[in-house]
Protein backbone atom coordinates (compact mmCIF):
# COMPACT_ATOMS: atom_id res chain seq x y z
CA MET A 1 0.00 0.00 0.00
CA LYS A 2 1.17 3.51 -0.76
CA LEU A 3 2.99 5.63 1.82
CA THR A 4 3.30 9.41 1.33
CA VAL A 5 5.72 11.49 3.38
CA HIS A 6 5.15 15.25 3.56
CA GLU A 7 7.96 17.59 4.55
CA THR A 8 7.22 20.51 6.89
CA ALA A 9 8.84 23.91 7.41
CA ILE A 10 11.24 22.17 9.82
CA PRO A 11 12.97 19.66 7.51
CA GLU A 12 13.44 16.93 10.13
CA VAL A 13 9.76 16.86 11.13
CA LEU A 14 7.62 14.82 8.75
CA VAL A 15 3.94 14.03 8.31
CA VAL A 16 3.32 10.43 7.25
CA GLU A 17 0.15 9.59 5.35
CA HIS A 18 -0.92 6.05 4.53
CA GLU A 19 -3.11 4.67 1.82
CA VAL A 20 -6.18 3.13 3.43
CA PHE A 21 -8.37 0.42 1.97
CA GLU A 22 -11.92 1.10 3.13
CA ASP A 23 -15.30 -0.41 2.36
CA GLU A 24 -18.61 -1.17 4.09
CA ARG A 25 -16.85 -3.69 6.38
CA GLY A 26 -14.33 -1.19 7.77
CA PHE A 27 -10.76 -0.38 6.79
CA PHE A 28 -7.22 -1.75 6.52
CA MET A 29 -3.92 0.11 6.53
CA GLU A 30 -0.26 -0.70 7.00
CA VAL A 31 0.80 1.46 9.96
CA TYR A 32 4.46 0.53 9.62
CA ARG A 33 6.37 -1.36 6.95
CA ALA A 34 10.17 -1.30 7.12
CA ASP A 35 10.80 -1.33 3.37
CA GLN A 36 8.47 1.60 2.73
CA PHE A 37 9.95 3.60 5.59
CA ALA A 38 13.48 2.81 4.34
CA ALA A 39 12.51 4.18 0.93
CA HIS A 40 12.06 7.58 2.63
CA ALA A 41 15.33 7.49 4.60
CA ASN A 42 16.63 10.38 2.47
CA LEU A 43 14.06 12.58 4.26
CA GLY A 44 15.13 11.30 7.71
CA LEU A 45 12.34 8.78 8.28
CA PRO A 46 13.77 5.80 10.20
CA SER A 47 12.94 2.25 9.22
CA GLU A 48 13.74 0.64 12.57
CA PHE A 49 11.95 1.18 15.88
CA VAL A 50 12.57 -0.46 19.26
CA GLN A 51 9.53 0.38 21.40
CA LEU A 52 5.80 0.99 20.94
CA ASN A 53 3.98 3.11 23.54
CA HIS A 54 0.22 3.55 23.86
CA SER A 55 -1.66 6.04 26.05
CA ARG A 56 -5.28 7.00 26.60
CA SER A 57 -6.19 10.51 27.72
CA ALA A 58 -9.41 12.33 28.55
CA ARG A 59 -10.54 15.57 26.85
CA HIS A 60 -8.04 18.45 27.18
CA VAL A 61 -5.33 16.32 28.79
CA THR A 62 -2.05 17.83 27.62
CA ARG A 63 1.12 15.77 27.80
CA GLY A 64 4.58 17.14 27.16
CA LEU A 65 6.71 18.53 25.92
CA HIS A 66 8.86 15.41 26.49
CA PHE A 67 12.26 14.29 25.22
CA GLN A 68 15.14 11.96 26.07
CA TRP A 69 18.87 12.24 25.35
CA GLU A 70 20.24 8.81 26.34
CA PRO A 71 19.54 6.76 24.38
CA PRO A 72 18.28 9.25 21.81
CA MET A 73 14.56 8.73 21.20
CA GLY A 74 12.79 9.77 18.03
CA LYS A 75 9.01 9.31 17.96
CA LEU A 76 6.46 8.53 15.28
CA MET A 77 3.11 9.55 16.79
CA ARG A 78 -0.38 8.50 15.67
CA VAL A 79 -3.95 8.65 17.03
CA PRO A 80 -5.79 5.33 16.43
CA ARG A 81 -8.87 6.44 18.47
CA GLY A 82 -10.23 9.93 18.98
CA GLU A 83 -8.54 13.19 18.01
CA ALA A 84 -5.43 14.95 19.29
CA PHE A 85 -3.24 17.93 18.50
CA LEU A 86 0.32 16.57 18.06
CA VAL A 87 3.33 18.86 18.34
CA ALA A 88 7.12 18.66 17.90
CA VAL A 89 9.51 21.43 19.01
CA ASP A 90 13.12 21.86 17.89
CA ILE A 91 15.29 22.06 21.03
CA ARG A 92 18.73 21.77 19.37
CA PRO A 93 20.95 24.56 20.78
CA ASP A 94 22.63 25.45 17.47
CA SER A 95 19.70 24.84 15.13
CA PRO A 96 18.42 27.57 12.80
CA THR A 97 14.90 26.43 13.76
CA LEU A 98 15.52 26.37 17.55
CA GLY A 99 12.26 26.94 19.43
CA ARG A 100 10.09 26.49 16.34
CA TYR A 101 7.41 23.85 16.25
CA GLU A 102 5.29 21.83 13.85
CA SER A 103 1.84 20.56 14.70
CA ILE A 104 -0.99 18.57 13.17
CA VAL A 105 -4.44 17.45 14.19
CA ALA A 106 -4.46 13.66 13.89
CA ASN A 107 -7.47 11.43 14.39
CA ASP A 108 -8.97 8.05 13.61
CA ARG A 109 -10.35 9.43 10.34
CA ASN A 110 -7.33 11.10 8.70
CA ARG A 111 -4.90 8.55 10.24
CA LEU A 112 -1.94 10.94 9.93
CA GLN A 113 1.33 10.35 11.77
CA LEU A 114 3.91 12.90 12.94
CA TRP A 115 7.63 12.00 12.96
CA ALA A 116 10.16 14.00 14.98
CA PRO A 117 13.74 12.88 15.62
CA ALA A 118 15.43 12.55 18.99
CA SER A 119 16.49 16.18 19.17
CA PHE A 120 12.89 17.38 19.43
CA ALA A 121 10.46 17.68 22.33
CA ARG A 122 7.05 16.18 21.64
CA GLY A 123 3.63 16.55 23.15
CA PHE A 124 -0.08 16.43 22.49
CA CYS A 125 -3.48 17.46 23.78
CA THR A 126 -6.71 15.53 23.48
CA LEU A 127 -9.46 17.23 21.47
CA SER A 128 -12.15 14.52 21.64
CA GLU A 129 -13.87 13.00 24.68
CA PHE A 130 -10.82 10.75 24.89
CA ALA A 131 -7.96 9.89 22.58
CA GLU A 132 -5.51 7.06 22.34
CA VAL A 133 -2.03 8.01 21.15
CA GLU A 134 0.56 5.49 20.02
CA TYR A 135 4.17 6.20 19.25
CA LEU A 136 6.91 4.08 17.85
CA THR A 137 10.28 5.09 19.29
CA THR A 138 13.87 4.72 18.12
CA GLY A 139 15.21 4.39 21.68
CA THR A 140 14.11 2.58 24.80
CA TYR A 141 12.82 4.62 27.73
CA ASN A 142 15.38 5.77 30.31
CA SER A 143 13.94 7.81 33.20
CA ALA A 144 17.44 9.01 34.18
CA ALA A 145 17.92 10.78 30.85
CA GLU A 146 14.52 12.26 30.09
CA SER A 147 13.07 15.68 30.69
CA GLY A 148 10.51 18.16 29.46
CA ILE A 149 9.84 21.72 28.40
CA ARG A 150 6.86 23.65 29.77
CA TRP A 151 3.87 23.26 27.45
CA ASN A 152 3.14 27.02 27.38
CA ASP A 153 6.69 28.41 27.21
CA PRO A 154 6.26 31.89 25.68
CA ASP A 155 9.60 31.57 23.86
CA ILE A 156 8.05 28.75 21.81
CA GLY A 157 4.50 30.14 21.59
CA ILE A 158 2.61 26.99 20.67
CA GLN A 159 -0.93 27.85 19.58
CA TRP A 160 -2.68 25.09 21.51
CA PRO A 161 -6.31 24.57 20.41
CA ILE A 162 -7.56 24.49 24.02
CA GLU A 163 -7.58 27.10 26.78
CA GLU A 164 -7.60 25.05 29.97
CA PRO A 165 -5.37 21.99 29.73
CA VAL A 166 -5.39 19.13 32.20
CA LEU A 167 -1.75 18.65 33.22
CA SER A 168 0.29 16.34 35.37
CA ARG A 169 2.29 17.97 38.13
CA LYS A 170 5.49 17.03 36.29
CA ASP A 171 4.34 18.75 33.09
CA SER A 172 3.02 21.86 34.86
CA GLU A 173 6.39 22.30 36.62
CA ALA A 174 8.59 21.56 33.59
CA GLN A 175 11.51 23.82 32.75
CA SER A 176 11.57 26.53 30.09
CA LEU A 177 13.43 26.14 26.81
CA ALA A 178 15.95 28.74 28.05
CA ASP A 179 16.60 26.66 31.19
CA TRP A 180 17.06 23.50 29.11
CA LEU A 181 19.63 25.21 26.88
CA LYS A 182 21.76 26.00 29.96
CA ARG A 183 22.01 22.32 30.94
CA PRO A 184 25.09 20.35 29.80
CA GLU A 185 22.82 17.59 28.46
CA ALA A 186 21.49 20.01 25.85
CA GLN A 187 24.78 19.70 23.96
CA ALA A 188 23.83 16.09 23.11
CA PHE A 189 21.28 17.67 20.74
CA SER A 190 23.81 19.80 18.88
CA THR A 191 23.27 19.60 15.12
CA GLY A 192 27.02 19.47 14.60
CA GLY A 193 27.57 16.17 16.38
């Protein structure tokens, strides 16, 4: 089945769109196929993943902006049930797109996926009564080397489609992008190495 990869204004962030076979019985799609992903490696889409995560969140739950530096963890996010606003923020200290973000509304009808490499912080908010979000990752989870950026950092200026998010304590107390850039771990996300 056909796979289409759309580039965004931030070259490393990609929107993945799948061909879907649909009839009166329902639908079928290939969510991940290594050979098709490998065919888009020139755009930065990985063909190998090591972990699949799945979450369910109530309306207006906002998670993120999360990232991990050891091992590096890229994420391919999708919404198999419900609807969510997915976002990826460039947090590379020497990047020309530092602090910029890309976002999409993904749902169980458009079946879009958002890819962002390890040097990006990712998050989402639920727009429907509930949403399930799955993400394939390129690194295994390591709580000792993960962190977050505050969801409403004014230096990033994400235009969230909700006004009153439901946040975890961890996410509501997350650091700013400016604070992250002062940490020695931030250098792991340098574009030069």
